[in-house]
Amino acid sequence: MTDKRDIRRHKKRISIRFGIDEPNRVAFTEDISITGMFIKTPNIVPPNTKIRIMFELAGGHKVEVEARVMWAKKVPQNLFHLVKKSGMGVRFLRFDAGEDLFQRYFERIGVES
């Protein structure tokens, strides 16, 4: 099956915090693009839910973004590490902090790939 996305995604593991009202859950990204990311987590929220995401880039620069869950796949806890796409795909809606830093970071990882 071919990937239907026009936006290039990069395999990148970044520690993030996310949540509906407060970013109080910890997870990791599996891949990231300029418009969204895949969050590997057993703590999914339903599609179409808006969530808050916070993470730090090199140098301790903070990025805060509002995103919408586009799809989610819940996997039983005992199978979580065995299933490749267990978590949720999100699309960025609005940056509250660090948008310029994130864009520069994304350009840099695109060159490294």
PDB file of N, CA and C in Angstrom:
ATOM      1  N   MET A   1       0.847  -1.171   0.000  1.00  0.00           N
ATOM      2  CA  MET A   1       0.000   0.000   0.000  1.00  0.00           C
ATOM      3  C   MET A   1       0.897   1.240   0.000  1.00  0.00           C
ATOM      4  N   THR A   2       0.607   2.179  -0.830  1.00  0.00           N
ATOM      5  CA  THR A   2       1.408   3.394  -0.899  1.00  0.00           C
ATOM      6  C   THR A   2       0.855   4.448   0.054  1.00  0.00           C
ATOM      7  N   ASP A   3       1.723   5.332   0.469  1.00  0.00           N
ATOM      8  CA  ASP A   3       1.344   6.409   1.365  1.00  0.00           C
ATOM      9  C   ASP A   3       0.669   7.507   0.559  1.00  0.00           C
ATOM     10  N   LYS A   4      -0.554   7.894   0.940  1.00  0.00           N
ATOM     11  CA  LYS A   4      -1.341   8.854   0.173  1.00  0.00           C
ATOM     12  C   LYS A   4      -1.046  10.308   0.559  1.00  0.00           C
ATOM     13  N   ARG A   5      -0.211  10.508   1.574  1.00  0.00           N
ATOM     14  CA  ARG A   5       0.069  11.871   2.025  1.00  0.00           C
ATOM     15  C   ARG A   5       1.012  12.580   1.061  1.00  0.00           C
ATOM     16  N   ASP A   6       0.767  13.875   0.859  1.00  0.00           N
ATOM     17  CA  ASP A   6       1.673  14.703   0.077  1.00  0.00           C
ATOM     18  C   ASP A   6       2.773  15.287   0.958  1.00  0.00           C
ATOM     19  N   ILE A   7       2.540  15.370   2.236  1.00  0.00           N
ATOM     20  CA  ILE A   7       3.479  15.962   3.174  1.00  0.00           C
ATOM     21  C   ILE A   7       4.471  14.889   3.613  1.00  0.00           C
ATOM     22  N   ARG A   8       5.753  15.216   3.536  1.00  0.00           N
ATOM     23  CA  ARG A   8       6.795  14.261   3.934  1.00  0.00           C
ATOM     24  C   ARG A   8       6.851  14.119   5.452  1.00  0.00           C
ATOM     25  N   ARG A   9       6.860  12.886   5.912  1.00  0.00           N
ATOM     26  CA  ARG A   9       6.990  12.583   7.335  1.00  0.00           C
ATOM     27  C   ARG A   9       8.374  12.014   7.587  1.00  0.00           C
ATOM     28  N   HIS A  10       8.911  12.340   8.744  1.00  0.00           N
ATOM     29  CA  HIS A  10      10.239  11.863   9.133  1.00  0.00           C
ATOM     30  C   HIS A  10      10.112  11.013  10.386  1.00  0.00           C
ATOM     31  N   LYS A  11      10.777   9.885  10.391  1.00  0.00           N
ATOM     32  CA  LYS A  11      10.825   9.052  11.590  1.00  0.00           C
ATOM     33  C   LYS A  11      11.608   9.821  12.641  1.00  0.00           C
ATOM     34  N   LYS A  12      10.956  10.150  13.726  1.00  0.00           N
ATOM     35  CA  LYS A  12      11.592  10.918  14.780  1.00  0.00           C
ATOM     36  C   LYS A  12      10.933  10.583  16.097  1.00  0.00           C
ATOM     37  N   ARG A  13      11.733  10.244  17.091  1.00  0.00           N
ATOM     38  CA  ARG A  13      11.213   9.936  18.424  1.00  0.00           C
ATOM     39  C   ARG A  13      11.466  11.148  19.317  1.00  0.00           C
ATOM     40  N   ILE A  14      10.376  11.819  19.672  1.00  0.00           N
ATOM     41  CA  ILE A  14      10.441  12.997  20.524  1.00  0.00           C
ATOM     42  C   ILE A  14       9.514  12.763  21.712  1.00  0.00           C
ATOM     43  N   SER A  15       9.991  13.042  22.893  1.00  0.00           N
ATOM     44  CA  SER A  15       9.157  12.951  24.084  1.00  0.00           C
ATOM     45  C   SER A  15       8.195  14.138  24.089  1.00  0.00           C
ATOM     46  N   ILE A  16       6.911  13.847  24.267  1.00  0.00           N
ATOM     47  CA  ILE A  16       5.894  14.905  24.281  1.00  0.00           C
ATOM     48  C   ILE A  16       4.993  14.739  25.495  1.00  0.00           C
ATOM     49  N   ARG A  17       4.235  15.780  25.761  1.00  0.00           N
ATOM     50  CA  ARG A  17       3.150  15.735  26.739  1.00  0.00           C
ATOM     51  C   ARG A  17       1.901  16.149  25.974  1.00  0.00           C
ATOM     52  N   PHE A  18       0.777  15.491  26.253  1.00  0.00           N
ATOM     53  CA  PHE A  18      -0.468  15.826  25.564  1.00  0.00           C
ATOM     54  C   PHE A  18      -1.655  15.615  26.481  1.00  0.00           C
ATOM     55  N   GLY A  19      -2.764  16.243  26.134  1.00  0.00           N
ATOM     56  CA  GLY A  19      -3.998  16.065  26.880  1.00  0.00           C
ATOM     57  C   GLY A  19      -5.086  16.955  26.305  1.00  0.00           C
ATOM     58  N   ILE A  20      -6.299  16.751  26.752  1.00  0.00           N
ATOM     59  CA  ILE A  20      -7.423  17.524  26.219  1.00  0.00           C
ATOM     60  C   ILE A  20      -7.411  18.949  26.784  1.00  0.00           C
ATOM     61  N   ASP A  21      -7.414  19.078  28.091  1.00  0.00           N
ATOM     62  CA  ASP A  21      -7.384  20.409  28.699  1.00  0.00           C
ATOM     63  C   ASP A  21      -5.968  20.814  29.079  1.00  0.00           C
ATOM     64  N   GLU A  22      -5.240  19.882  29.634  1.00  0.00           N
ATOM     65  CA  GLU A  22      -3.855  20.107  30.048  1.00  0.00           C
ATOM     66  C   GLU A  22      -2.997  18.988  29.472  1.00  0.00           C
ATOM     67  N   PRO A  23      -1.805  19.310  29.005  1.00  0.00           N
ATOM     68  CA  PRO A  23      -0.920  18.261  28.485  1.00  0.00           C
ATOM     69  C   PRO A  23      -0.280  17.480  29.641  1.00  0.00           C
ATOM     70  N   ASN A  24      -1.041  16.527  30.213  1.00  0.00           N
ATOM     71  CA  ASN A  24      -0.595  15.813  31.403  1.00  0.00           C
ATOM     72  C   ASN A  24      -0.244  14.342  31.156  1.00  0.00           C
ATOM     73  N   ARG A  25      -0.329  13.893  29.924  1.00  0.00           N
ATOM     74  CA  ARG A  25       0.065  12.518  29.595  1.00  0.00           C
ATOM     75  C   ARG A  25       1.385  12.559  28.824  1.00  0.00           C
ATOM     76  N   VAL A  26       2.226  11.583  29.079  1.00  0.00           N
ATOM     77  CA  VAL A  26       3.534  11.521  28.417  1.00  0.00           C
ATOM     78  C   VAL A  26       3.493  10.452  27.336  1.00  0.00           C
ATOM     79  N   ALA A  27       4.093  10.755  26.188  1.00  0.00           N
ATOM     80  CA  ALA A  27       4.155   9.794  25.079  1.00  0.00           C
ATOM     81  C   ALA A  27       5.371  10.147  24.219  1.00  0.00           C
ATOM     82  N   PHE A  28       5.520   9.412  23.122  1.00  0.00           N
ATOM     83  CA  PHE A  28       6.589   9.669  22.164  1.00  0.00           C
ATOM     84  C   PHE A  28       5.998   9.761  20.771  1.00  0.00           C
ATOM     85  N   THR A  29       6.646  10.566  19.932  1.00  0.00           N
ATOM     86  CA  THR A  29       6.263  10.570  18.528  1.00  0.00           C
ATOM     87  C   THR A  29       6.949   9.394  17.851  1.00  0.00           C
ATOM     88  N   GLU A  30       6.354   8.933  16.769  1.00  0.00           N
ATOM     89  CA  GLU A  30       6.988   7.908  15.950  1.00  0.00           C
ATOM     90  C   GLU A  30       7.418   8.530  14.625  1.00  0.00           C
ATOM     91  N   ASP A  31       6.587   9.425  14.118  1.00  0.00           N
ATOM     92  CA  ASP A  31       6.973  10.207  12.947  1.00  0.00           C
ATOM     93  C   ASP A  31       6.337  11.586  13.062  1.00  0.00           C
ATOM     94  N   ILE A  32       6.894  12.510  12.290  1.00  0.00           N
ATOM     95  CA  ILE A  32       6.469  13.901  12.399  1.00  0.00           C
ATOM     96  C   ILE A  32       6.548  14.568  11.042  1.00  0.00           C
ATOM     97  N   SER A  33       5.644  15.501  10.788  1.00  0.00           N
ATOM     98  CA  SER A  33       5.688  16.299   9.563  1.00  0.00           C
ATOM     99  C   SER A  33       5.459  17.755   9.954  1.00  0.00           C
ATOM    100  N   ILE A  34       5.510  18.622   9.001  1.00  0.00           N
ATOM    101  CA  ILE A  34       5.284  20.046   9.266  1.00  0.00           C
ATOM    102  C   ILE A  34       3.827  20.311   9.659  1.00  0.00           C
ATOM    103  N   THR A  35       2.919  19.368   9.334  1.00  0.00           N
ATOM    104  CA  THR A  35       1.495  19.569   9.614  1.00  0.00           C
ATOM    105  C   THR A  35       0.921  18.658  10.693  1.00  0.00           C
ATOM    106  N   GLY A  36       1.706  17.712  11.218  1.00  0.00           N
ATOM    107  CA  GLY A  36       1.175  16.815  12.228  1.00  0.00           C
ATOM    108  C   GLY A  36       2.179  15.787  12.687  1.00  0.00           C
ATOM    109  N   MET A  37       1.695  14.825  13.465  1.00  0.00           N
ATOM    110  CA  MET A  37       2.574  13.783  13.988  1.00  0.00           C
ATOM    111  C   MET A  37       1.769  12.538  14.338  1.00  0.00           C
ATOM    112  N   PHE A  38       2.490  11.423  14.461  1.00  0.00           N
ATOM    113  CA  PHE A  38       1.903  10.198  14.992  1.00  0.00           C
ATOM    114  C   PHE A  38       2.399  10.049  16.420  1.00  0.00           C
ATOM    115  N   ILE A  39       1.468   9.928  17.362  1.00  0.00           N
ATOM    116  CA  ILE A  39       1.790   9.781  18.776  1.00  0.00           C
ATOM    117  C   ILE A  39       1.572   8.331  19.168  1.00  0.00           C
ATOM    118  N   LYS A  40       2.639   7.666  19.583  1.00  0.00           N
ATOM    119  CA  LYS A  40       2.545   6.271  20.027  1.00  0.00           C
ATOM    120  C   LYS A  40       2.162   6.282  21.499  1.00  0.00           C
ATOM    121  N   THR A  41       0.929   5.848  21.777  1.00  0.00           N
ATOM    122  CA  THR A  41       0.421   5.866  23.141  1.00  0.00           C
ATOM    123  C   THR A  41      -0.741   4.891  23.296  1.00  0.00           C
ATOM    124  N   PRO A  42      -0.870   4.265  24.468  1.00  0.00           N
ATOM    125  CA  PRO A  42      -2.066   3.469  24.739  1.00  0.00           C
ATOM    126  C   PRO A  42      -3.229   4.352  25.220  1.00  0.00           C
ATOM    127  N   ASN A  43      -2.947   5.624  25.497  1.00  0.00           N
ATOM    128  CA  ASN A  43      -3.939   6.557  26.043  1.00  0.00           C
ATOM    129  C   ASN A  43      -4.526   7.428  24.943  1.00  0.00           C
ATOM    130  N   ILE A  44      -5.265   6.818  24.046  1.00  0.00           N
ATOM    131  CA  ILE A  44      -5.812   7.560  22.907  1.00  0.00           C
ATOM    132  C   ILE A  44      -7.044   8.358  23.307  1.00  0.00           C
ATOM    133  N   VAL A  45      -7.352   9.351  22.497  1.00  0.00           N
ATOM    134  CA  VAL A  45      -8.611  10.086  22.628  1.00  0.00           C
ATOM    135  C   VAL A  45      -9.354   9.926  21.305  1.00  0.00           C
ATOM    136  N   PRO A  46     -10.663  10.095  21.295  1.00  0.00           N
ATOM    137  CA  PRO A  46     -11.449   9.853  20.085  1.00  0.00           C
ATOM    138  C   PRO A  46     -11.074  10.788  18.927  1.00  0.00           C
ATOM    139  N   PRO A  47     -11.210  10.293  17.698  1.00  0.00           N
ATOM    140  CA  PRO A  47     -10.995  11.158  16.538  1.00  0.00           C
ATOM    141  C   PRO A  47     -11.865  12.402  16.610  1.00  0.00           C
ATOM    142  N   ASN A  48     -11.353  13.474  16.060  1.00  0.00           N
ATOM    143  CA  ASN A  48     -11.984  14.788  15.997  1.00  0.00           C
ATOM    144  C   ASN A  48     -11.874  15.573  17.303  1.00  0.00           C
ATOM    145  N   THR A  49     -11.211  15.010  18.315  1.00  0.00           N
ATOM    146  CA  THR A  49     -10.995  15.703  19.579  1.00  0.00           C
ATOM    147  C   THR A  49      -9.803  16.650  19.432  1.00  0.00           C
ATOM    148  N   LYS A  50      -9.936  17.841  19.989  1.00  0.00           N
ATOM    149  CA  LYS A  50      -8.797  18.763  20.035  1.00  0.00           C
ATOM    150  C   LYS A  50      -7.962  18.459  21.266  1.00  0.00           C
ATOM    151  N   ILE A  51      -6.638  18.432  21.086  1.00  0.00           N
ATOM    152  CA  ILE A  51      -5.734  18.178  22.210  1.00  0.00           C
ATOM    153  C   ILE A  51      -4.634  19.241  22.235  1.00  0.00           C
ATOM    154  N   ARG A  52      -4.010  19.383  23.389  1.00  0.00           N
ATOM    155  CA  ARG A  52      -2.862  20.265  23.577  1.00  0.00           C
ATOM    156  C   ARG A  52      -1.609  19.396  23.588  1.00  0.00           C
ATOM    157  N   ILE A  53      -0.573  19.823  22.888  1.00  0.00           N
ATOM    158  CA  ILE A  53       0.689  19.085  22.830  1.00  0.00           C
ATOM    159  C   ILE A  53       1.813  20.038  23.197  1.00  0.00           C
ATOM    160  N   MET A  54       2.723  19.576  24.044  1.00  0.00           N
ATOM    161  CA  MET A  54       3.914  20.340  24.404  1.00  0.00           C
ATOM    162  C   MET A  54       5.131  19.439  24.252  1.00  0.00           C
ATOM    163  N   PHE A  55       6.218  20.003  23.716  1.00  0.00           N
ATOM    164  CA  PHE A  55       7.479  19.281  23.656  1.00  0.00           C
ATOM    165  C   PHE A  55       8.620  20.277  23.576  1.00  0.00           C
ATOM    166  N   GLU A  56       9.826  19.781  23.823  1.00  0.00           N
ATOM    167  CA  GLU A  56      11.006  20.630  23.775  1.00  0.00           C
ATOM    168  C   GLU A  56      11.903  20.190  22.636  1.00  0.00           C
ATOM    169  N   LEU A  57      12.473  21.173  21.963  1.00  0.00           N
ATOM    170  CA  LEU A  57      13.472  20.919  20.928  1.00  0.00           C
ATOM    171  C   LEU A  57      14.852  21.098  21.550  1.00  0.00           C
ATOM    172  N   ALA A  58      15.892  20.792  20.796  1.00  0.00           N
ATOM    173  CA  ALA A  58      17.259  20.943  21.286  1.00  0.00           C
ATOM    174  C   ALA A  58      17.454  22.341  21.852  1.00  0.00           C
ATOM    175  N   GLY A  59      18.174  22.427  22.935  1.00  0.00           N
ATOM    176  CA  GLY A  59      18.400  23.718  23.563  1.00  0.00           C
ATOM    177  C   GLY A  59      17.303  24.104  24.530  1.00  0.00           C
ATOM    178  N   GLY A  60      16.337  23.218  24.764  1.00  0.00           N
ATOM    179  CA  GLY A  60      15.271  23.496  25.711  1.00  0.00           C
ATOM    180  C   GLY A  60      14.189  24.425  25.195  1.00  0.00           C
ATOM    181  N   HIS A  61      14.135  24.633  23.881  1.00  0.00           N
ATOM    182  CA  HIS A  61      13.113  25.501  23.296  1.00  0.00           C
ATOM    183  C   HIS A  61      11.769  24.785  23.295  1.00  0.00           C
ATOM    184  N   LYS A  62      10.754  25.421  23.892  1.00  0.00           N
ATOM    185  CA  LYS A  62       9.441  24.797  24.037  1.00  0.00           C
ATOM    186  C   LYS A  62       8.542  25.091  22.846  1.00  0.00           C
ATOM    187  N   VAL A  63       7.799  24.053  22.456  1.00  0.00           N
ATOM    188  CA  VAL A  63       6.794  24.173  21.405  1.00  0.00           C
ATOM    189  C   VAL A  63       5.461  23.769  22.018  1.00  0.00           C
ATOM    190  N   GLU A  64       4.453  24.606  21.820  1.00  0.00           N
ATOM    191  CA  GLU A  64       3.100  24.306  22.289  1.00  0.00           C
ATOM    192  C   GLU A  64       2.163  24.435  21.105  1.00  0.00           C
ATOM    193  N   VAL A  65       1.335  23.411  20.907  1.00  0.00           N
ATOM    194  CA  VAL A  65       0.467  23.394  19.734  1.00  0.00           C
ATOM    195  C   VAL A  65      -0.890  22.785  20.084  1.00  0.00           C
ATOM    196  N   GLU A  66      -1.925  23.309  19.436  1.00  0.00           N
ATOM    197  CA  GLU A  66      -3.248  22.703  19.511  1.00  0.00           C
ATOM    198  C   GLU A  66      -3.376  21.826  18.270  1.00  0.00           C
ATOM    199  N   ALA A  67      -3.891  20.614  18.451  1.00  0.00           N
ATOM    200  CA  ALA A  67      -4.005  19.678  17.332  1.00  0.00           C
ATOM    201  C   ALA A  67      -5.349  18.970  17.390  1.00  0.00           C
ATOM    202  N   ARG A  68      -5.724  18.373  16.263  1.00  0.00           N
ATOM    203  CA  ARG A  68      -6.952  17.584  16.177  1.00  0.00           C
ATOM    204  C   ARG A  68      -6.566  16.131  15.908  1.00  0.00           C
ATOM    205  N   VAL A  69      -7.175  15.222  16.668  1.00  0.00           N
ATOM    206  CA  VAL A  69      -6.946  13.788  16.447  1.00  0.00           C
ATOM    207  C   VAL A  69      -7.683  13.401  15.169  1.00  0.00           C
ATOM    208  N   MET A  70      -6.936  12.892  14.187  1.00  0.00           N
ATOM    209  CA  MET A  70      -7.524  12.513  12.903  1.00  0.00           C
ATOM    210  C   MET A  70      -7.936  11.039  12.895  1.00  0.00           C
ATOM    211  N   TRP A  71      -7.157  10.210  13.578  1.00  0.00           N
ATOM    212  CA  TRP A  71      -7.489   8.795  13.694  1.00  0.00           C
ATOM    213  C   TRP A  71      -6.809   8.259  14.947  1.00  0.00           C
ATOM    214  N   ALA A  72      -7.344   7.167  15.476  1.00  0.00           N
ATOM    215  CA  ALA A  72      -6.778   6.559  16.676  1.00  0.00           C
ATOM    216  C   ALA A  72      -6.980   5.054  16.621  1.00  0.00           C
ATOM    217  N   LYS A  73      -5.994   4.340  17.121  1.00  0.00           N
ATOM    218  CA  LYS A  73      -6.068   2.876  17.157  1.00  0.00           C
ATOM    219  C   LYS A  73      -5.688   2.428  18.562  1.00  0.00           C
ATOM    220  N   LYS A  74      -6.676   1.914  19.289  1.00  0.00           N
ATOM    221  CA  LYS A  74      -6.438   1.438  20.656  1.00  0.00           C
ATOM    222  C   LYS A  74      -6.041  -0.032  20.613  1.00  0.00           C
ATOM    223  N   VAL A  75      -4.996  -0.334  21.349  1.00  0.00           N
ATOM    224  CA  VAL A  75      -4.470  -1.691  21.420  1.00  0.00           C
ATOM    225  C   VAL A  75      -4.391  -2.079  22.895  1.00  0.00           C
ATOM    226  N   PRO A  76      -4.750  -3.325  23.236  1.00  0.00           N
ATOM    227  CA  PRO A  76      -4.634  -3.743  24.633  1.00  0.00           C
ATOM    228  C   PRO A  76      -3.207  -3.520  25.157  1.00  0.00           C
ATOM    229  N   GLN A  77      -3.114  -3.133  26.422  1.00  0.00           N
ATOM    230  CA  GLN A  77      -1.831  -2.784  27.028  1.00  0.00           C
ATOM    231  C   GLN A  77      -0.779  -3.878  26.835  1.00  0.00           C
ATOM    232  N   ASN A  78      -1.162  -5.150  26.947  1.00  0.00           N
ATOM    233  CA  ASN A  78      -0.182  -6.225  26.826  1.00  0.00           C
ATOM    234  C   ASN A  78       0.315  -6.429  25.398  1.00  0.00           C
ATOM    235  N   LEU A  79      -0.344  -5.841  24.399  1.00  0.00           N
ATOM    236  CA  LEU A  79       0.088  -5.961  23.003  1.00  0.00           C
ATOM    237  C   LEU A  79       0.650  -4.649  22.444  1.00  0.00           C
ATOM    238  N   PHE A  80       0.660  -3.614  23.281  1.00  0.00           N
ATOM    239  CA  PHE A  80       1.009  -2.273  22.822  1.00  0.00           C
ATOM    240  C   PHE A  80       2.351  -2.227  22.075  1.00  0.00           C
ATOM    241  N   HIS A  81       3.375  -2.854  22.605  1.00  0.00           N
ATOM    242  CA  HIS A  81       4.700  -2.782  21.984  1.00  0.00           C
ATOM    243  C   HIS A  81       4.857  -3.721  20.786  1.00  0.00           C
ATOM    244  N   LEU A  82       3.881  -4.584  20.551  1.00  0.00           N
ATOM    245  CA  LEU A  82       3.952  -5.506  19.429  1.00  0.00           C
ATOM    246  C   LEU A  82       3.259  -4.971  18.174  1.00  0.00           C
ATOM    247  N   VAL A  83       2.338  -4.042  18.355  1.00  0.00           N
ATOM    248  CA  VAL A  83       1.551  -3.512  17.240  1.00  0.00           C
ATOM    249  C   VAL A  83       2.195  -2.224  16.746  1.00  0.00           C
ATOM    250  N   LYS A  84       2.425  -2.160  15.432  1.00  0.00           N
ATOM    251  CA  LYS A  84       3.169  -1.029  14.866  1.00  0.00           C
ATOM    252  C   LYS A  84       2.459   0.311  15.029  1.00  0.00           C
ATOM    253  N   LYS A  85       1.229   0.423  14.660  1.00  0.00           N
ATOM    254  CA  LYS A  85       0.526   1.701  14.696  1.00  0.00           C
ATOM    255  C   LYS A  85      -0.503   1.739  15.817  1.00  0.00           C
ATOM    256  N   SER A  86      -0.043   1.677  17.044  1.00  0.00           N
ATOM    257  CA  SER A  86      -0.947   1.810  18.184  1.00  0.00           C
ATOM    258  C   SER A  86      -0.761   3.211  18.748  1.00  0.00           C
ATOM    259  N   GLY A  87      -1.799   4.008  18.627  1.00  0.00           N
ATOM    260  CA  GLY A  87      -1.722   5.395  19.059  1.00  0.00           C
ATOM    261  C   GLY A  87      -2.666   6.241  18.234  1.00  0.00           C
ATOM    262  N   MET A  88      -2.223   7.472  17.889  1.00  0.00           N
ATOM    263  CA  MET A  88      -3.109   8.356  17.142  1.00  0.00           C
ATOM    264  C   MET A  88      -2.329   9.316  16.255  1.00  0.00           C
ATOM    265  N   GLY A  89      -2.957   9.605  15.131  1.00  0.00           N
ATOM    266  CA  GLY A  89      -2.412  10.586  14.206  1.00  0.00           C
ATOM    267  C   GLY A  89      -3.108  11.910  14.445  1.00  0.00           C
ATOM    268  N   VAL A  90      -2.309  12.993  14.555  1.00  0.00           N
ATOM    269  CA  VAL A  90      -2.886  14.304  14.819  1.00  0.00           C
ATOM    270  C   VAL A  90      -2.441  15.308  13.759  1.00  0.00           C
ATOM    271  N   ARG A  91      -3.288  16.288  13.530  1.00  0.00           N
ATOM    272  CA  ARG A  91      -2.988  17.393  12.611  1.00  0.00           C
ATOM    273  C   ARG A  91      -2.891  18.667  13.432  1.00  0.00           C
ATOM    274  N   PHE A  92      -1.814  19.426  13.219  1.00  0.00           N
ATOM    275  CA  PHE A  92      -1.638  20.679  13.931  1.00  0.00           C
ATOM    276  C   PHE A  92      -2.676  21.699  13.469  1.00  0.00           C
ATOM    277  N   LEU A  93      -3.274  22.404  14.423  1.00  0.00           N
ATOM    278  CA  LEU A  93      -4.250  23.446  14.120  1.00  0.00           C
ATOM    279  C   LEU A  93      -3.657  24.836  14.344  1.00  0.00           C
ATOM    280  N   ARG A  94      -2.981  24.994  15.494  1.00  0.00           N
ATOM    281  CA  ARG A  94      -2.497  26.327  15.866  1.00  0.00           C
ATOM    282  C   ARG A  94      -1.336  26.195  16.836  1.00  0.00           C
ATOM    283  N   PHE A  95      -0.264  26.923  16.563  1.00  0.00           N
ATOM    284  CA  PHE A  95       0.876  26.969  17.472  1.00  0.00           C
ATOM    285  C   PHE A  95       0.652  28.093  18.475  1.00  0.00           C
ATOM    286  N   ASP A  96       0.856  27.796  19.758  1.00  0.00           N
ATOM    287  CA  ASP A  96       0.780  28.816  20.800  1.00  0.00           C
ATOM    288  C   ASP A  96       2.167  29.300  21.189  1.00  0.00           C
ATOM    289  N   ALA A  97       3.186  28.493  20.910  1.00  0.00           N
ATOM    290  CA  ALA A  97       4.571  28.877  21.202  1.00  0.00           C
ATOM    291  C   ALA A  97       5.502  28.040  20.334  1.00  0.00           C
ATOM    292  N   GLY A  98       6.575  28.656  19.870  1.00  0.00           N
ATOM    293  CA  GLY A  98       7.640  27.927  19.197  1.00  0.00           C
ATOM    294  C   GLY A  98       7.417  27.578  17.742  1.00  0.00           C
ATOM    295  N   GLU A  99       6.490  28.228  17.048  1.00  0.00           N
ATOM    296  CA  GLU A  99       6.226  27.866  15.646  1.00  0.00           C
ATOM    297  C   GLU A  99       7.459  28.065  14.766  1.00  0.00           C
ATOM    298  N   ASP A 100       8.135  29.204  14.892  1.00  0.00           N
ATOM    299  CA  ASP A 100       9.341  29.453  14.086  1.00  0.00           C
ATOM    300  C   ASP A 100      10.429  28.429  14.384  1.00  0.00           C
ATOM    301  N   LEU A 101      10.611  28.116  15.668  1.00  0.00           N
ATOM    302  CA  LEU A 101      11.614  27.125  16.060  1.00  0.00           C
ATOM    303  C   LEU A 101      11.288  25.762  15.465  1.00  0.00           C
ATOM    304  N   PHE A 102      10.008  25.388  15.503  1.00  0.00           N
ATOM    305  CA  PHE A 102       9.599  24.102  14.953  1.00  0.00           C
ATOM    306  C   PHE A 102       9.842  24.050  13.447  1.00  0.00           C
ATOM    307  N   GLN A 103       9.520  25.114  12.734  1.00  0.00           N
ATOM    308  CA  GLN A 103       9.731  25.132  11.289  1.00  0.00           C
ATOM    309  C   GLN A 103      11.215  24.995  10.954  1.00  0.00           C
ATOM    310  N   ARG A 104      12.070  25.684  11.692  1.00  0.00           N
ATOM    311  CA  ARG A 104      13.522  25.554  11.463  1.00  0.00           C
ATOM    312  C   ARG A 104      13.998  24.139  11.788  1.00  0.00           C
ATOM    313  N   TYR A 105      13.505  23.578  12.884  1.00  0.00           N
ATOM    314  CA  TYR A 105      13.846  22.206  13.266  1.00  0.00           C
ATOM    315  C   TYR A 105      13.441  21.237  12.163  1.00  0.00           C
ATOM    316  N   PHE A 106      12.220  21.419  11.646  1.00  0.00           N
ATOM    317  CA  PHE A 106      11.734  20.508  10.612  1.00  0.00           C
ATOM    318  C   PHE A 106      12.554  20.625   9.349  1.00  0.00           C
ATOM    319  N   GLU A 107      12.928  21.816   8.970  1.00  0.00           N
ATOM    320  CA  GLU A 107      13.798  22.002   7.793  1.00  0.00           C
ATOM    321  C   GLU A 107      15.129  21.284   7.982  1.00  0.00           C
ATOM    322  N   ARG A 108      15.662  21.381   9.206  1.00  0.00           N
ATOM    323  CA  ARG A 108      16.959  20.743   9.507  1.00  0.00           C
ATOM    324  C   ARG A 108      16.851  19.215   9.435  1.00  0.00           C
ATOM    325  N   ILE A 109      15.790  18.631   9.984  1.00  0.00           N
ATOM    326  CA  ILE A 109      15.702  17.156   9.926  1.00  0.00           C
ATOM    327  C   ILE A 109      15.417  16.698   8.498  1.00  0.00           C
ATOM    328  N   GLY A 110      14.798  17.547   7.685  1.00  0.00           N
ATOM    329  CA  GLY A 110      14.583  17.211   6.285  1.00  0.00           C
ATOM    330  C   GLY A 110      15.905  17.137   5.521  1.00  0.00           C
ATOM    331  N   VAL A 111      16.832  17.996   5.852  1.00  0.00           N
ATOM    332  CA  VAL A 111      18.155  17.983   5.222  1.00  0.00           C
ATOM    333  C   VAL A 111      18.938  16.756   5.664  1.00  0.00           C
ATOM    334  N   GLU A 112      18.780  16.373   6.943  1.00  0.00           N
ATOM    335  CA  GLU A 112      19.514  15.226   7.480  1.00  0.00           C
ATOM    336  C   GLU A 112      19.048  13.901   6.898  1.00  0.00           C
ATOM    337  N   SER A 113      17.795  13.822   6.462  1.00  0.00           N
ATOM    338  CA  SER A 113      17.230  12.552   5.959  1.00  0.00           C
ATOM    339  C   SER A 113      17.829  12.129   4.642  1.00  0.00           C
TER     340      SER A 113
END
